[in-house]
């Protein structure tokens, strides 16, 4: 039977620390392999983060602490869907 339990923000932070570290490592590795002209644009303009994960407190700062500024976007929950729309053949 489902039940409700209370967890603290610290417990959530601990549970997400390893997956977030992996995400940050992949972002860093990708940026290291990015051509110089694109890297310069990312440093100047930043990275737009999409999806619910970027709304977690501290995630944008974690991603940007070693490089490009980040922008969670105006509607981060819609960005992923809107970005994929051209690929779906629907306008």
C-alpha atoms as a PDB file:
ATOM      1  CA  UNK A   1       0.000   0.000   0.000  1.00  0.00           C
ATOM      2  CA  UNK A   2       1.446   3.423  -0.901  1.00  0.00           C
ATOM      3  CA  UNK A   3       2.317   5.683   1.990  1.00  0.00           C
ATOM      4  CA  UNK A   4       3.548   9.213   2.460  1.00  0.00           C
ATOM      5  CA  UNK A   5       6.904   9.871   4.068  1.00  0.00           C
ATOM      6  CA  UNK A   6       8.698  13.119   4.793  1.00  0.00           C
ATOM      7  CA  UNK A   7      12.266  13.589   3.603  1.00  0.00           C
ATOM      8  CA  UNK A   8      14.532  16.559   4.118  1.00  0.00           C
ATOM      9  CA  UNK A   9      16.136  18.638   1.403  1.00  0.00           C
ATOM     10  CA  UNK A  10      19.496  17.333   2.656  1.00  0.00           C
ATOM     11  CA  UNK A  11      18.363  13.743   2.003  1.00  0.00           C
ATOM     12  CA  UNK A  12      17.300  14.703  -1.517  1.00  0.00           C
ATOM     13  CA  UNK A  13      20.616  16.508  -2.071  1.00  0.00           C
ATOM     14  CA  UNK A  14      22.571  13.432  -0.931  1.00  0.00           C
ATOM     15  CA  UNK A  15      20.517  11.113  -3.124  1.00  0.00           C
ATOM     16  CA  UNK A  16      21.113  13.300  -6.189  1.00  0.00           C
ATOM     17  CA  UNK A  17      24.784  14.109  -5.592  1.00  0.00           C
ATOM     18  CA  UNK A  18      26.238  11.220  -7.631  1.00  0.00           C
ATOM     19  CA  UNK A  19      23.922  11.599 -10.668  1.00  0.00           C
ATOM     20  CA  UNK A  20      24.536  15.367 -10.654  1.00  0.00           C
ATOM     21  CA  UNK A  21      28.295  14.843 -10.478  1.00  0.00           C
ATOM     22  CA  UNK A  22      28.032  12.563 -13.508  1.00  0.00           C
ATOM     23  CA  UNK A  23      26.018  15.185 -15.411  1.00  0.00           C
ATOM     24  CA  UNK A  24      28.567  17.898 -14.580  1.00  0.00           C
ATOM     25  CA  UNK A  25      31.440  15.618 -15.646  1.00  0.00           C
ATOM     26  CA  UNK A  26      29.739  14.898 -18.982  1.00  0.00           C
ATOM     27  CA  UNK A  27      29.071  18.614 -19.579  1.00  0.00           C
ATOM     28  CA  UNK A  28      32.746  19.396 -18.853  1.00  0.00           C
ATOM     29  CA  UNK A  29      33.984  16.599 -21.123  1.00  0.00           C
ATOM     30  CA  UNK A  30      31.704  17.773 -23.919  1.00  0.00           C
ATOM     31  CA  UNK A  31      32.914  21.366 -23.568  1.00  0.00           C
ATOM     32  CA  UNK A  32      36.532  20.201 -23.689  1.00  0.00           C
ATOM     33  CA  UNK A  33      35.845  18.562 -27.066  1.00  0.00           C
ATOM     34  CA  UNK A  34      33.907  21.531 -28.445  1.00  0.00           C
ATOM     35  CA  UNK A  35      35.558  23.521 -31.279  1.00  0.00           C
ATOM     36  CA  UNK A  36      37.124  26.813 -30.137  1.00  0.00           C
ATOM     37  CA  UNK A  37      34.667  29.058 -32.022  1.00  0.00           C
ATOM     38  CA  UNK A  38      31.678  27.351 -30.399  1.00  0.00           C
ATOM     39  CA  UNK A  39      33.351  27.344 -26.973  1.00  0.00           C
ATOM     40  CA  UNK A  40      33.839  31.101 -27.238  1.00  0.00           C
ATOM     41  CA  UNK A  41      30.121  31.534 -27.941  1.00  0.00           C
ATOM     42  CA  UNK A  42      29.223  29.360 -24.953  1.00  0.00           C
ATOM     43  CA  UNK A  43      31.455  31.382 -22.648  1.00  0.00           C
ATOM     44  CA  UNK A  44      30.008  34.649 -23.991  1.00  0.00           C
ATOM     45  CA  UNK A  45      26.349  33.630 -24.199  1.00  0.00           C
ATOM     46  CA  UNK A  46      26.119  30.760 -21.725  1.00  0.00           C
ATOM     47  CA  UNK A  47      24.325  27.449 -21.789  1.00  0.00           C
ATOM     48  CA  UNK A  48      20.535  27.199 -21.714  1.00  0.00           C
ATOM     49  CA  UNK A  49      19.437  24.460 -19.347  1.00  0.00           C
ATOM     50  CA  UNK A  50      16.210  22.599 -20.024  1.00  0.00           C
ATOM     51  CA  UNK A  51      13.986  20.255 -18.093  1.00  0.00           C
ATOM     52  CA  UNK A  52      13.003  19.946 -14.473  1.00  0.00           C
ATOM     53  CA  UNK A  53      16.495  19.118 -13.268  1.00  0.00           C
ATOM     54  CA  UNK A  54      17.662  22.661 -13.888  1.00  0.00           C
ATOM     55  CA  UNK A  55      15.037  23.888 -11.428  1.00  0.00           C
ATOM     56  CA  UNK A  56      16.701  22.041  -8.550  1.00  0.00           C
ATOM     57  CA  UNK A  57      18.351  24.497  -6.186  1.00  0.00           C
ATOM     58  CA  UNK A  58      22.069  24.772  -6.909  1.00  0.00           C
ATOM     59  CA  UNK A  59      22.142  22.805 -10.177  1.00  0.00           C
ATOM     60  CA  UNK A  60      22.718  25.798 -12.497  1.00  0.00           C
ATOM     61  CA  UNK A  61      25.468  27.081 -10.198  1.00  0.00           C
ATOM     62  CA  UNK A  62      27.049  23.624 -10.046  1.00  0.00           C
ATOM     63  CA  UNK A  63      27.205  23.401 -13.836  1.00  0.00           C
ATOM     64  CA  UNK A  64      28.553  26.922 -14.294  1.00  0.00           C
ATOM     65  CA  UNK A  65      31.157  26.989 -11.532  1.00  0.00           C
ATOM     66  CA  UNK A  66      33.936  25.800 -13.844  1.00  0.00           C
ATOM     67  CA  UNK A  67      33.093  27.569 -17.059  1.00  0.00           C
ATOM     68  CA  UNK A  68      30.232  28.884 -19.105  1.00  0.00           C
ATOM     69  CA  UNK A  69      27.449  30.809 -17.428  1.00  0.00           C
ATOM     70  CA  UNK A  70      24.104  29.046 -17.404  1.00  0.00           C
ATOM     71  CA  UNK A  71      20.560  30.139 -18.044  1.00  0.00           C
ATOM     72  CA  UNK A  72      17.646  27.987 -16.898  1.00  0.00           C
ATOM     73  CA  UNK A  73      15.560  29.544 -19.655  1.00  0.00           C
ATOM     74  CA  UNK A  74      12.183  31.182 -19.263  1.00  0.00           C
ATOM     75  CA  UNK A  75      10.195  27.951 -19.436  1.00  0.00           C
ATOM     76  CA  UNK A  76      12.648  25.148 -18.683  1.00  0.00           C
ATOM     77  CA  UNK A  77       9.940  22.492 -18.491  1.00  0.00           C
ATOM     78  CA  UNK A  78       8.805  23.340 -22.039  1.00  0.00           C
ATOM     79  CA  UNK A  79      12.213  23.850 -23.667  1.00  0.00           C
ATOM     80  CA  UNK A  80      12.944  20.169 -24.277  1.00  0.00           C
ATOM     81  CA  UNK A  81       9.558  19.558 -25.883  1.00  0.00           C
ATOM     82  CA  UNK A  82       9.706  22.756 -27.941  1.00  0.00           C
ATOM     83  CA  UNK A  83      13.257  22.012 -29.075  1.00  0.00           C
ATOM     84  CA  UNK A  84      12.264  18.572 -30.349  1.00  0.00           C
ATOM     85  CA  UNK A  85       9.108  19.765 -32.113  1.00  0.00           C
ATOM     86  CA  UNK A  86      10.866  20.464 -35.476  1.00  0.00           C
ATOM     87  CA  UNK A  87      12.170  16.880 -35.491  1.00  0.00           C
ATOM     88  CA  UNK A  88       8.665  15.486 -35.061  1.00  0.00           C
ATOM     89  CA  UNK A  89       7.391  17.023 -38.307  1.00  0.00           C
ATOM     90  CA  UNK A  90       4.798  19.066 -36.402  1.00  0.00           C
ATOM     91  CA  UNK A  91       4.967  22.856 -36.381  1.00  0.00           C
END
